[in-house]
Structure formats: C-alpha cells, structure tokens
PDB file of N, CA and C in Angstrom:
ATOM      1  N   MET A   1       0.856  -1.176   0.000  1.00  0.00           N
ATOM      2  CA  MET A   1       0.000   0.000   0.000  1.00  0.00           C
ATOM      3  C   MET A   1       0.897   1.234   0.000  1.00  0.00           C
ATOM      4  N   ASN A   2       0.601   2.161  -0.887  1.00  0.00           N
ATOM      5  CA  ASN A   2       1.459   3.329  -0.943  1.00  0.00           C
ATOM      6  C   ASN A   2       0.972   4.439  -0.012  1.00  0.00           C
ATOM      7  N   ALA A   3       1.769   5.490   0.067  1.00  0.00           N
ATOM      8  CA  ALA A   3       1.497   6.585   1.000  1.00  0.00           C
ATOM      9  C   ALA A   3       0.179   7.290   0.703  1.00  0.00           C
ATOM     10  N   ASN A   4      -0.207   7.365  -0.551  1.00  0.00           N
ATOM     11  CA  ASN A   4      -1.452   8.053  -0.882  1.00  0.00           C
ATOM     12  C   ASN A   4      -2.674   7.300  -0.356  1.00  0.00           C
ATOM     13  N   TRP A   5      -2.650   5.969  -0.403  1.00  0.00           N
ATOM     14  CA  TRP A   5      -3.766   5.212   0.156  1.00  0.00           C
ATOM     15  C   TRP A   5      -3.775   5.320   1.676  1.00  0.00           C
ATOM     16  N   MET A   6      -2.602   5.448   2.290  1.00  0.00           N
ATOM     17  CA  MET A   6      -2.553   5.672   3.744  1.00  0.00           C
ATOM     18  C   MET A   6      -3.197   7.013   4.089  1.00  0.00           C
ATOM     19  N   LYS A   7      -3.000   8.017   3.240  1.00  0.00           N
ATOM     20  CA  LYS A   7      -3.650   9.318   3.456  1.00  0.00           C
ATOM     21  C   LYS A   7      -5.164   9.164   3.442  1.00  0.00           C
ATOM     22  N   VAL A   8      -5.670   8.356   2.530  1.00  0.00           N
ATOM     23  CA  VAL A   8      -7.121   8.143   2.442  1.00  0.00           C
ATOM     24  C   VAL A   8      -7.629   7.457   3.705  1.00  0.00           C
ATOM     25  N   ILE A   9      -6.908   6.457   4.185  1.00  0.00           N
ATOM     26  CA  ILE A   9      -7.327   5.731   5.391  1.00  0.00           C
ATOM     27  C   ILE A   9      -7.299   6.650   6.615  1.00  0.00           C
ATOM     28  N   ILE A  10      -6.248   7.459   6.742  1.00  0.00           N
ATOM     29  CA  ILE A  10      -6.162   8.397   7.869  1.00  0.00           C
ATOM     30  C   ILE A  10      -7.245   9.466   7.747  1.00  0.00           C
ATOM     31  N   ALA A  11      -7.520   9.923   6.533  1.00  0.00           N
ATOM     32  CA  ALA A  11      -8.588  10.901   6.310  1.00  0.00           C
ATOM     33  C   ALA A  11      -9.930  10.327   6.745  1.00  0.00           C
ATOM     34  N   ALA A  12     -10.187   9.065   6.425  1.00  0.00           N
ATOM     35  CA  ALA A  12     -11.441   8.418   6.827  1.00  0.00           C
ATOM     36  C   ALA A  12     -11.514   8.281   8.347  1.00  0.00           C
ATOM     37  N   PHE A  13     -10.382   8.014   8.986  1.00  0.00           N
ATOM     38  CA  PHE A  13     -10.324   7.941  10.449  1.00  0.00           C
ATOM     39  C   PHE A  13     -10.749   9.273  11.059  1.00  0.00           C
ATOM     40  N   PHE A  14     -10.225  10.388  10.518  1.00  0.00           N
ATOM     41  CA  PHE A  14     -10.596  11.706  11.011  1.00  0.00           C
ATOM     42  C   PHE A  14     -12.045  12.041  10.657  1.00  0.00           C
ATOM     43  N   GLU A  15     -12.539  11.488   9.557  1.00  0.00           N
ATOM     44  CA  GLU A  15     -13.942  11.703   9.196  1.00  0.00           C
ATOM     45  C   GLU A  15     -14.869  11.187  10.288  1.00  0.00           C
ATOM     46  N   VAL A  16     -14.543  10.049  10.846  1.00  0.00           N
ATOM     47  CA  VAL A  16     -15.362   9.488  11.923  1.00  0.00           C
ATOM     48  C   VAL A  16     -15.444  10.478  13.084  1.00  0.00           C
ATOM     49  N   PHE A  17     -14.325  11.103  13.427  1.00  0.00           N
ATOM     50  CA  PHE A  17     -14.312  12.061  14.532  1.00  0.00           C
ATOM     51  C   PHE A  17     -15.150  13.299  14.237  1.00  0.00           C
ATOM     52  N   TRP A  18     -15.050  13.817  13.005  1.00  0.00           N
ATOM     53  CA  TRP A  18     -15.825  15.036  12.763  1.00  0.00           C
ATOM     54  C   TRP A  18     -17.310  14.753  12.603  1.00  0.00           C
ATOM     55  N   VAL A  19     -17.659  13.572  12.100  1.00  0.00           N
ATOM     56  CA  VAL A  19     -19.085  13.232  12.015  1.00  0.00           C
ATOM     57  C   VAL A  19     -19.668  13.090  13.423  1.00  0.00           C
ATOM     58  N   ILE A  20     -18.941  12.421  14.307  1.00  0.00           N
ATOM     59  CA  ILE A  20     -19.381  12.310  15.703  1.00  0.00           C
ATOM     60  C   ILE A  20     -19.426  13.696  16.337  1.00  0.00           C
ATOM     61  N   GLY A  21     -18.419  14.518  16.039  1.00  0.00           N
ATOM     62  CA  GLY A  21     -18.377  15.872  16.584  1.00  0.00           C
ATOM     63  C   GLY A  21     -19.553  16.721  16.159  1.00  0.00           C
ATOM     64  N   LEU A  22     -20.010  16.562  14.916  1.00  0.00           N
ATOM     65  CA  LEU A  22     -21.161  17.345  14.471  1.00  0.00           C
ATOM     66  C   LEU A  22     -22.408  17.047  15.307  1.00  0.00           C
ATOM     67  N   LYS A  23     -22.514  15.826  15.780  1.00  0.00           N
ATOM     68  CA  LYS A  23     -23.676  15.449  16.589  1.00  0.00           C
ATOM     69  C   LYS A  23     -23.507  15.815  18.056  1.00  0.00           C
ATOM     70  N   HIS A  24     -22.283  15.668  18.576  1.00  0.00           N
ATOM     71  CA  HIS A  24     -22.099  15.759  20.022  1.00  0.00           C
ATOM     72  C   HIS A  24     -21.372  17.009  20.506  1.00  0.00           C
ATOM     73  N   ALA A  25     -20.857  17.839  19.622  1.00  0.00           N
ATOM     74  CA  ALA A  25     -20.132  19.035  20.065  1.00  0.00           C
ATOM     75  C   ALA A  25     -21.114  20.020  20.703  1.00  0.00           C
ATOM     76  N   ASP A  26     -20.724  20.536  21.874  1.00  0.00           N
ATOM     77  CA  ASP A  26     -21.618  21.463  22.563  1.00  0.00           C
ATOM     78  C   ASP A  26     -20.883  22.609  23.264  1.00  0.00           C
ATOM     79  N   ASP A  27     -19.584  22.705  23.089  1.00  0.00           N
ATOM     80  CA  ASP A  27     -18.849  23.834  23.653  1.00  0.00           C
ATOM     81  C   ASP A  27     -17.693  24.205  22.722  1.00  0.00           C
ATOM     82  N   PHE A  28     -16.957  25.213  23.083  1.00  0.00           N
ATOM     83  CA  PHE A  28     -15.881  25.729  22.228  1.00  0.00           C
ATOM     84  C   PHE A  28     -14.855  24.654  21.875  1.00  0.00           C
ATOM     85  N   TRP A  29     -14.419  23.888  22.862  1.00  0.00           N
ATOM     86  CA  TRP A  29     -13.340  22.917  22.628  1.00  0.00           C
ATOM     87  C   TRP A  29     -13.782  21.741  21.769  1.00  0.00           C
ATOM     88  N   THR A  30     -14.993  21.264  21.962  1.00  0.00           N
ATOM     89  CA  THR A  30     -15.449  20.155  21.127  1.00  0.00           C
ATOM     90  C   THR A  30     -15.701  20.620  19.695  1.00  0.00           C
ATOM     91  N   TRP A  31     -16.186  21.860  19.530  1.00  0.00           N
ATOM     92  CA  TRP A  31     -16.346  22.400  18.171  1.00  0.00           C
ATOM     93  C   TRP A  31     -14.989  22.646  17.521  1.00  0.00           C
ATOM     94  N   THR A  32     -14.012  23.083  18.314  1.00  0.00           N
ATOM     95  CA  THR A  32     -12.658  23.281  17.785  1.00  0.00           C
ATOM     96  C   THR A  32     -12.080  21.952  17.308  1.00  0.00           C
ATOM     97  N   GLY A  33     -12.243  20.903  18.093  1.00  0.00           N
ATOM     98  CA  GLY A  33     -11.771  19.578  17.688  1.00  0.00           C
ATOM     99  C   GLY A  33     -12.474  19.082  16.436  1.00  0.00           C
ATOM    100  N   THR A  34     -13.763  19.357  16.332  1.00  0.00           N
ATOM    101  CA  THR A  34     -14.528  18.956  15.147  1.00  0.00           C
ATOM    102  C   THR A  34     -14.013  19.666  13.904  1.00  0.00           C
ATOM    103  N   VAL A  35     -13.771  20.960  14.011  1.00  0.00           N
ATOM    104  CA  VAL A  35     -13.264  21.734  12.865  1.00  0.00           C
ATOM    105  C   VAL A  35     -11.870  21.257  12.468  1.00  0.00           C
ATOM    106  N   ILE A  36     -11.026  20.987  13.443  1.00  0.00           N
ATOM    107  CA  ILE A  36      -9.679  20.478  13.139  1.00  0.00           C
ATOM    108  C   ILE A  36      -9.772  19.126  12.433  1.00  0.00           C
ATOM    109  N   ALA A  37     -10.662  18.263  12.894  1.00  0.00           N
ATOM    110  CA  ALA A  37     -10.837  16.956  12.248  1.00  0.00           C
ATOM    111  C   ALA A  37     -11.330  17.117  10.810  1.00  0.00           C
ATOM    112  N   ILE A  38     -12.226  18.069  10.565  1.00  0.00           N
ATOM    113  CA  ILE A  38     -12.701  18.337   9.203  1.00  0.00           C
ATOM    114  C   ILE A  38     -11.543  18.774   8.318  1.00  0.00           C
ATOM    115  N   ILE A  39     -10.745  19.699   8.819  1.00  0.00           N
ATOM    116  CA  ILE A  39      -9.623  20.231   8.032  1.00  0.00           C
ATOM    117  C   ILE A  39      -8.615  19.131   7.705  1.00  0.00           C
ATOM    118  N   VAL A  40      -8.228  18.352   8.708  1.00  0.00           N
ATOM    119  CA  VAL A  40      -7.260  17.276   8.493  1.00  0.00           C
ATOM    120  C   VAL A  40      -7.822  16.244   7.516  1.00  0.00           C
ATOM    121  N   SER A  41      -9.067  15.862   7.718  1.00  0.00           N
ATOM    122  CA  SER A  41      -9.698  14.845   6.886  1.00  0.00           C
ATOM    123  C   SER A  41      -9.727  15.267   5.416  1.00  0.00           C
ATOM    124  N   PHE A  42     -10.232  16.459   5.150  1.00  0.00           N
ATOM    125  CA  PHE A  42     -10.343  16.895   3.759  1.00  0.00           C
ATOM    126  C   PHE A  42      -8.987  17.211   3.139  1.00  0.00           C
ATOM    127  N   TYR A  43      -8.055  17.735   3.940  1.00  0.00           N
ATOM    128  CA  TYR A  43      -6.712  18.001   3.411  1.00  0.00           C
ATOM    129  C   TYR A  43      -6.066  16.704   2.920  1.00  0.00           C
ATOM    130  N   LEU A  44      -6.112  15.660   3.749  1.00  0.00           N
ATOM    131  CA  LEU A  44      -5.503  14.385   3.360  1.00  0.00           C
ATOM    132  C   LEU A  44      -6.207  13.770   2.154  1.00  0.00           C
ATOM    133  N   MET A  45      -7.541  13.876   2.126  1.00  0.00           N
ATOM    134  CA  MET A  45      -8.274  13.327   0.983  1.00  0.00           C
ATOM    135  C   MET A  45      -7.918  14.084  -0.301  1.00  0.00           C
ATOM    136  N   ILE A  46      -7.818  15.386  -0.236  1.00  0.00           N
ATOM    137  CA  ILE A  46      -7.472  16.191  -1.413  1.00  0.00           C
ATOM    138  C   ILE A  46      -6.053  15.883  -1.875  1.00  0.00           C
ATOM    139  N   MET A  47      -5.129  15.748  -0.940  1.00  0.00           N
ATOM    140  CA  MET A  47      -3.740  15.435  -1.318  1.00  0.00           C
ATOM    141  C   MET A  47      -3.657  14.056  -1.976  1.00  0.00           C
ATOM    142  N   ALA A  48      -4.395  13.089  -1.465  1.00  0.00           N
ATOM    143  CA  ALA A  48      -4.395  11.759  -2.081  1.00  0.00           C
ATOM    144  C   ALA A  48      -5.032  11.810  -3.464  1.00  0.00           C
ATOM    145  N   GLY A  49      -6.054  12.651  -3.614  1.00  0.00           N
ATOM    146  CA  GLY A  49      -6.745  12.776  -4.888  1.00  0.00           C
ATOM    147  C   GLY A  49      -5.909  13.393  -5.987  1.00  0.00           C
ATOM    148  N   LYS A  50      -4.820  14.039  -5.620  1.00  0.00           N
ATOM    149  CA  LYS A  50      -3.923  14.608  -6.631  1.00  0.00           C
ATOM    150  C   LYS A  50      -3.115  13.530  -7.340  1.00  0.00           C
ATOM    151  N   GLU A  51      -2.948  12.388  -6.701  1.00  0.00           N
ATOM    152  CA  GLU A  51      -2.142  11.308  -7.262  1.00  0.00           C
ATOM    153  C   GLU A  51      -2.958  10.077  -7.647  1.00  0.00           C
ATOM    154  N   LEU A  52      -4.130   9.916  -7.053  1.00  0.00           N
ATOM    155  CA  LEU A  52      -4.970   8.750  -7.286  1.00  0.00           C
ATOM    156  C   LEU A  52      -6.265   9.192  -7.973  1.00  0.00           C
ATOM    157  N   PRO A  53      -6.991   8.269  -8.577  1.00  0.00           N
ATOM    158  CA  PRO A  53      -8.279   8.619  -9.196  1.00  0.00           C
ATOM    159  C   PRO A  53      -9.255   9.181  -8.152  1.00  0.00           C
ATOM    160  N   VAL A  54      -9.763  10.360  -8.424  1.00  0.00           N
ATOM    161  CA  VAL A  54     -10.573  11.080  -7.447  1.00  0.00           C
ATOM    162  C   VAL A  54     -11.843  10.310  -7.078  1.00  0.00           C
ATOM    163  N   GLY A  55     -12.507   9.715  -8.042  1.00  0.00           N
ATOM    164  CA  GLY A  55     -13.729   8.969  -7.750  1.00  0.00           C
ATOM    165  C   GLY A  55     -13.481   7.808  -6.814  1.00  0.00           C
ATOM    166  N   THR A  56     -12.391   7.102  -7.028  1.00  0.00           N
ATOM    167  CA  THR A  56     -12.050   5.972  -6.171  1.00  0.00           C
ATOM    168  C   THR A  56     -11.663   6.458  -4.778  1.00  0.00           C
ATOM    169  N   VAL A  57     -10.882   7.529  -4.716  1.00  0.00           N
ATOM    170  CA  VAL A  57     -10.482   8.096  -3.423  1.00  0.00           C
ATOM    171  C   VAL A  57     -11.723   8.466  -2.617  1.00  0.00           C
ATOM    172  N   TYR A  58     -12.650   9.153  -3.263  1.00  0.00           N
ATOM    173  CA  TYR A  58     -13.853   9.586  -2.555  1.00  0.00           C
ATOM    174  C   TYR A  58     -14.697   8.390  -2.102  1.00  0.00           C
ATOM    175  N   ALA A  59     -14.839   7.398  -2.952  1.00  0.00           N
ATOM    176  CA  ALA A  59     -15.630   6.215  -2.593  1.00  0.00           C
ATOM    177  C   ALA A  59     -15.010   5.476  -1.404  1.00  0.00           C
ATOM    178  N   VAL A  60     -13.697   5.312  -1.405  1.00  0.00           N
ATOM    179  CA  VAL A  60     -13.015   4.642  -0.294  1.00  0.00           C
ATOM    180  C   VAL A  60     -13.132   5.482   0.976  1.00  0.00           C
ATOM    181  N   PHE A  61     -12.929   6.783   0.849  1.00  0.00           N
ATOM    182  CA  PHE A  61     -13.034   7.712   1.975  1.00  0.00           C
ATOM    183  C   PHE A  61     -14.413   7.627   2.633  1.00  0.00           C
ATOM    184  N   VAL A  62     -15.455   7.731   1.829  1.00  0.00           N
ATOM    185  CA  VAL A  62     -16.818   7.709   2.357  1.00  0.00           C
ATOM    186  C   VAL A  62     -17.174   6.331   2.897  1.00  0.00           C
ATOM    187  N   GLY A  63     -16.771   5.276   2.201  1.00  0.00           N
ATOM    188  CA  GLY A  63     -17.079   3.923   2.660  1.00  0.00           C
ATOM    189  C   GLY A  63     -16.446   3.608   4.007  1.00  0.00           C
ATOM    190  N   LEU A  64     -15.163   3.920   4.133  1.00  0.00           N
ATOM    191  CA  LEU A  64     -14.487   3.666   5.408  1.00  0.00           C
ATOM    192  C   LEU A  64     -15.031   4.564   6.511  1.00  0.00           C
ATOM    193  N   GLY A  65     -15.313   5.815   6.174  1.00  0.00           N
ATOM    194  CA  GLY A  65     -15.882   6.739   7.158  1.00  0.00           C
ATOM    195  C   GLY A  65     -17.252   6.289   7.641  1.00  0.00           C
ATOM    196  N   THR A  66     -18.066   5.816   6.722  1.00  0.00           N
ATOM    197  CA  THR A  66     -19.396   5.320   7.081  1.00  0.00           C
ATOM    198  C   THR A  66     -19.292   4.101   7.996  1.00  0.00           C
ATOM    199  N   ALA A  67     -18.456   3.160   7.614  1.00  0.00           N
ATOM    200  CA  ALA A  67     -18.276   1.959   8.437  1.00  0.00           C
ATOM    201  C   ALA A  67     -17.751   2.332   9.818  1.00  0.00           C
ATOM    202  N   GLY A  68     -16.784   3.229   9.872  1.00  0.00           N
ATOM    203  CA  GLY A  68     -16.229   3.653  11.158  1.00  0.00           C
ATOM    204  C   GLY A  68     -17.238   4.380  12.029  1.00  0.00           C
ATOM    205  N   THR A  69     -18.079   5.180  11.410  1.00  0.00           N
ATOM    206  CA  THR A  69     -19.090   5.914  12.162  1.00  0.00           C
ATOM    207  C   THR A  69     -20.147   4.966  12.726  1.00  0.00           C
ATOM    208  N   VAL A  70     -20.602   4.013  11.926  1.00  0.00           N
ATOM    209  CA  VAL A  70     -21.589   3.035  12.405  1.00  0.00           C
ATOM    210  C   VAL A  70     -20.990   2.200  13.530  1.00  0.00           C
ATOM    211  N   PHE A  71     -19.749   1.747  13.357  1.00  0.00           N
ATOM    212  CA  PHE A  71     -19.072   0.974  14.396  1.00  0.00           C
ATOM    213  C   PHE A  71     -18.960   1.791  15.690  1.00  0.00           C
ATOM    214  N   SER A  72     -18.565   3.056  15.573  1.00  0.00           N
ATOM    215  CA  SER A  72     -18.427   3.928  16.748  1.00  0.00           C
ATOM    216  C   SER A  72     -19.763   4.137  17.444  1.00  0.00           C
ATOM    217  N   ASP A  73     -20.822   4.324  16.660  1.00  0.00           N
ATOM    218  CA  ASP A  73     -22.147   4.482  17.260  1.00  0.00           C
ATOM    219  C   ASP A  73     -22.545   3.259  18.076  1.00  0.00           C
ATOM    220  N   ILE A  74     -22.261   2.081  17.539  1.00  0.00           N
ATOM    221  CA  ILE A  74     -22.623   0.844  18.243  1.00  0.00           C
ATOM    222  C   ILE A  74     -21.778   0.675  19.502  1.00  0.00           C
ATOM    223  N   VAL A  75     -20.477   0.893  19.392  1.00  0.00           N
ATOM    224  CA  VAL A  75     -19.564   0.629  20.504  1.00  0.00           C
ATOM    225  C   VAL A  75     -19.613   1.716  21.584  1.00  0.00           C
ATOM    226  N   PHE A  76     -19.635   2.993  21.164  1.00  0.00           N
ATOM    227  CA  PHE A  76     -19.480   4.077  22.133  1.00  0.00           C
ATOM    228  C   PHE A  76     -20.778   4.800  22.501  1.00  0.00           C
ATOM    229  N   PHE A  77     -21.792   4.725  21.652  1.00  0.00           N
ATOM    230  CA  PHE A  77     -22.993   5.527  21.887  1.00  0.00           C
ATOM    231  C   PHE A  77     -24.267   4.692  22.010  1.00  0.00           C
ATOM    232  N   ASP A  78     -24.115   3.411  22.304  1.00  0.00           N
ATOM    233  CA  ASP A  78     -25.237   2.513  22.592  1.00  0.00           C
ATOM    234  C   ASP A  78     -26.291   2.448  21.486  1.00  0.00           C
ATOM    235  N   GLU A  79     -25.852   2.608  20.256  1.00  0.00           N
ATOM    236  CA  GLU A  79     -26.758   2.382  19.116  1.00  0.00           C
ATOM    237  C   GLU A  79     -27.067   0.891  19.081  1.00  0.00           C
ATOM    238  N   PRO A  80     -28.320   0.523  18.870  1.00  0.00           N
ATOM    239  CA  PRO A  80     -28.645  -0.911  18.856  1.00  0.00           C
ATOM    240  C   PRO A  80     -27.931  -1.650  17.717  1.00  0.00           C
ATOM    241  N   PHE A  81     -27.437  -2.822  18.026  1.00  0.00           N
ATOM    242  CA  PHE A  81     -26.777  -3.678  17.042  1.00  0.00           C
ATOM    243  C   PHE A  81     -27.840  -4.375  16.220  1.00  0.00           C
ATOM    244  N   LYS A  82     -27.788  -4.167  14.899  1.00  0.00           N
ATOM    245  CA  LYS A  82     -28.736  -4.816  14.004  1.00  0.00           C
ATOM    246  C   LYS A  82     -27.961  -5.578  12.946  1.00  0.00           C
ATOM    247  N   VAL A  83     -28.281  -6.847  12.796  1.00  0.00           N
ATOM    248  CA  VAL A  83     -27.572  -7.705  11.847  1.00  0.00           C
ATOM    249  C   VAL A  83     -27.679  -7.148  10.432  1.00  0.00           C
ATOM    250  N   ALA A  84     -28.859  -6.683  10.062  1.00  0.00           N
ATOM    251  CA  ALA A  84     -29.052  -6.144   8.704  1.00  0.00           C
ATOM    252  C   ALA A  84     -28.120  -4.961   8.453  1.00  0.00           C
ATOM    253  N   LYS A  85     -27.948  -4.097   9.443  1.00  0.00           N
ATOM    254  CA  LYS A  85     -27.076  -2.937   9.301  1.00  0.00           C
ATOM    255  C   LYS A  85     -25.624  -3.379   9.101  1.00  0.00           C
ATOM    256  N   VAL A  86     -25.192  -4.355   9.871  1.00  0.00           N
ATOM    257  CA  VAL A  86     -23.822  -4.850   9.755  1.00  0.00           C
ATOM    258  C   VAL A  86     -23.600  -5.515   8.395  1.00  0.00           C
ATOM    259  N   ILE A  87     -24.570  -6.285   7.936  1.00  0.00           N
ATOM    260  CA  ILE A  87     -24.447  -6.932   6.620  1.00  0.00           C
ATOM    261  C   ILE A  87     -24.336  -5.879   5.519  1.00  0.00           C
ATOM    262  N   LEU A  88     -25.159  -4.843   5.597  1.00  0.00           N
ATOM    263  CA  LEU A  88     -25.093  -3.785   4.585  1.00  0.00           C
ATOM    264  C   LEU A  88     -23.766  -3.026   4.626  1.00  0.00           C
ATOM    265  N   ILE A  89     -23.229  -2.803   5.810  1.00  0.00           N
ATOM    266  CA  ILE A  89     -21.912  -2.158   5.928  1.00  0.00           C
ATOM    267  C   ILE A  89     -20.840  -3.069   5.330  1.00  0.00           C
ATOM    268  N   LEU A  90     -20.940  -4.371   5.560  1.00  0.00           N
ATOM    269  CA  LEU A  90     -19.976  -5.311   4.978  1.00  0.00           C
ATOM    270  C   LEU A  90     -20.066  -5.323   3.445  1.00  0.00           C
ATOM    271  N   VAL A  91     -21.275  -5.227   2.912  1.00  0.00           N
ATOM    272  CA  VAL A  91     -21.442  -5.141   1.452  1.00  0.00           C
ATOM    273  C   VAL A  91     -20.798  -3.855   0.939  1.00  0.00           C
ATOM    274  N   LEU A  92     -21.013  -2.752   1.660  1.00  0.00           N
ATOM    275  CA  LEU A  92     -20.386  -1.475   1.298  1.00  0.00           C
ATOM    276  C   LEU A  92     -18.866  -1.595   1.299  1.00  0.00           C
ATOM    277  N   LEU A  93     -18.317  -2.184   2.347  1.00  0.00           N
ATOM    278  CA  LEU A  93     -16.862  -2.350   2.431  1.00  0.00           C
ATOM    279  C   LEU A  93     -16.340  -3.279   1.343  1.00  0.00           C
ATOM    280  N   ALA A  94     -17.093  -4.313   1.011  1.00  0.00           N
ATOM    281  CA  ALA A  94     -16.675  -5.206  -0.080  1.00  0.00           C
ATOM    282  C   ALA A  94     -16.604  -4.429  -1.389  1.00  0.00           C
ATOM    283  N   GLY A  95     -17.565  -3.568  -1.625  1.00  0.00           N
ATOM    284  CA  GLY A  95     -17.530  -2.738  -2.828  1.00  0.00           C
ATOM    285  C   GLY A  95     -16.357  -1.783  -2.837  1.00  0.00           C
ATOM    286  N   VAL A  96     -16.063  -1.180  -1.693  1.00  0.00           N
ATOM    287  CA  VAL A  96     -14.932  -0.258  -1.588  1.00  0.00           C
ATOM    288  C   VAL A  96     -13.622  -1.001  -1.816  1.00  0.00           C
ATOM    289  N   ILE A  97     -13.472  -2.161  -1.204  1.00  0.00           N
ATOM    290  CA  ILE A  97     -12.250  -2.953  -1.384  1.00  0.00           C
ATOM    291  C   ILE A  97     -12.115  -3.398  -2.840  1.00  0.00           C
ATOM    292  N   GLY A  98     -13.218  -3.836  -3.432  1.00  0.00           N
ATOM    293  CA  GLY A  98     -13.190  -4.227  -4.842  1.00  0.00           C
ATOM    294  C   GLY A  98     -12.804  -3.072  -5.744  1.00  0.00           C
ATOM    295  N   LEU A  99     -13.343  -1.892  -5.467  1.00  0.00           N
ATOM    296  CA  LEU A  99     -12.996  -0.704  -6.253  1.00  0.00           C
ATOM    297  C   LEU A  99     -11.518  -0.383  -6.118  1.00  0.00           C
ATOM    298  N   LYS A 100     -10.995  -0.502  -4.916  1.00  0.00           N
ATOM    299  CA  LYS A 100      -9.570  -0.247  -4.680  1.00  0.00           C
ATOM    300  C   LYS A 100      -8.717  -1.263  -5.435  1.00  0.00           C
ATOM    301  N   LEU A 101      -9.138  -2.526  -5.453  1.00  0.00           N
ATOM    302  CA  LEU A 101      -8.349  -3.575  -6.098  1.00  0.00           C
ATOM    303  C   LEU A 101      -8.289  -3.420  -7.618  1.00  0.00           C
ATOM    304  N   VAL A 102      -9.334  -2.879  -8.217  1.00  0.00           N
ATOM    305  CA  VAL A 102      -9.347  -2.752  -9.673  1.00  0.00           C
ATOM    306  C   VAL A 102      -8.851  -1.387 -10.155  1.00  0.00           C
ATOM    307  N   THR A 103      -8.451  -0.516  -9.229  1.00  0.00           N
ATOM    308  CA  THR A 103      -7.973   0.812  -9.595  1.00  0.00           C
ATOM    309  C   THR A 103      -6.463   0.808  -9.730  1.00  0.00           C
ATOM    310  N   LYS A 104      -5.988   1.356 -10.827  1.00  0.00           N
ATOM    311  CA  LYS A 104      -4.555   1.460 -11.079  1.00  0.00           C
ATOM    312  C   LYS A 104      -3.993   2.577 -10.202  1.00  0.00           C
ATOM    313  N   ASP A 105      -2.921   2.271  -9.440  1.00  0.00           N
ATOM    314  CA  ASP A 105      -2.337   3.240  -8.517  1.00  0.00           C
ATOM    315  C   ASP A 105      -1.359   4.208  -9.166  1.00  0.00           C
ATOM    316  N   THR A 106      -0.770   3.838 -10.246  1.00  0.00           N
ATOM    317  CA  THR A 106       0.298   4.655 -10.812  1.00  0.00           C
ATOM    318  C   THR A 106      -0.246   5.786 -11.640  1.00  0.00           C
ATOM    319  N   VAL A 107       0.494   6.888 -11.609  1.00  0.00           N
ATOM    320  CA  VAL A 107       0.158   8.048 -12.426  1.00  0.00           C
ATOM    321  C   VAL A 107       1.059   8.016 -13.647  1.00  0.00           C
ATOM    322  N   GLU A 108       0.463   8.084 -14.821  1.00  0.00           N
ATOM    323  CA  GLU A 108       1.253   8.027 -16.041  1.00  0.00           C
ATOM    324  C   GLU A 108       1.721   9.426 -16.428  1.00  0.00           C
ATOM    325  N   GLU A 109       2.975   9.523 -16.801  1.00  0.00           N
ATOM    326  CA  GLU A 109       3.521  10.779 -17.287  1.00  0.00           C
ATOM    327  C   GLU A 109       3.031  11.006 -18.705  1.00  0.00           C
ATOM    328  N   GLY A 110       2.622  12.202 -18.989  1.00  0.00           N
ATOM    329  CA  GLY A 110       2.121  12.491 -20.325  1.00  0.00           C
ATOM    330  C   GLY A 110       2.469  13.894 -20.748  1.00  0.00           C
ATOM    331  N   ILE A 111       1.817  14.343 -21.761  1.00  0.00           N
ATOM    332  CA  ILE A 111       2.086  15.667 -22.307  1.00  0.00           C
ATOM    333  C   ILE A 111       1.702  16.746 -21.291  1.00  0.00           C
ATOM    334  N   ASP A 112       0.637  16.539 -20.551  1.00  0.00           N
ATOM    335  CA  ASP A 112       0.147  17.548 -19.620  1.00  0.00           C
ATOM    336  C   ASP A 112       0.912  17.579 -18.306  1.00  0.00           C
ATOM    337  N   SER A 113       1.853  16.670 -18.090  1.00  0.00           N
ATOM    338  CA  SER A 113       2.565  16.599 -16.806  1.00  0.00           C
ATOM    339  C   SER A 113       3.551  17.708 -16.649  1.00  0.00           C
TER     340      SER A 113
END
C-alpha cells in the first residue's frame, strides 16, 4: 500500500471524529476539535486525490468513514446492534475494497505533466 492510500485511510479515520463531533459538540473545545478533524480529513483526501483517481479516493473515503461511524455508534454511543445494518456495511466495504483492487495506482507521465 502506498502513501497516498494511507492518506485516504487516515482521512477516513478523522472523518469518523468530525461526524461524531457534528452530533455531540456542545462547547468551544469540542467544536474546535470537530473543525480540526474536518480540516485534516479533507486536506488528506485532497492530497491523495492529486495522485490517485478522485472517484475511487472519494468512494473509499466515504465507505471507510461510514463503516467507522456506524461501528463507533454501536460501541461508544449505545446504538442498537442490528444484523441487517452490519451486513449492509460489509457489502459497502466489499464494494470499496473491490474498487480499490481494480484501480490502477500509478500516475502516467504524459504531455500535460
């Protein structure tokens, strides 16, 4: 796995924090943390998108962020565990992994480079 895909994974990790922050932030410090998580998340996603296919980057970013947010809700915020929800998240992750596997990582040098 190259550094650009690591940026996408770290960006998705921060996405989970800012999504949770949007729901639970209620004072200056929690809003500050939420804004910082948004900035870090989008910065890393944009930087990865400069080297990787943007559609794939966004799909992986959103898929991992969604899975992480649902997992966090179940583990930390007492969201009820539903088998159907977990199966659908697994289908989403399978699609994201499949998209990543069929995407070419290298950037070709061309006339516009």
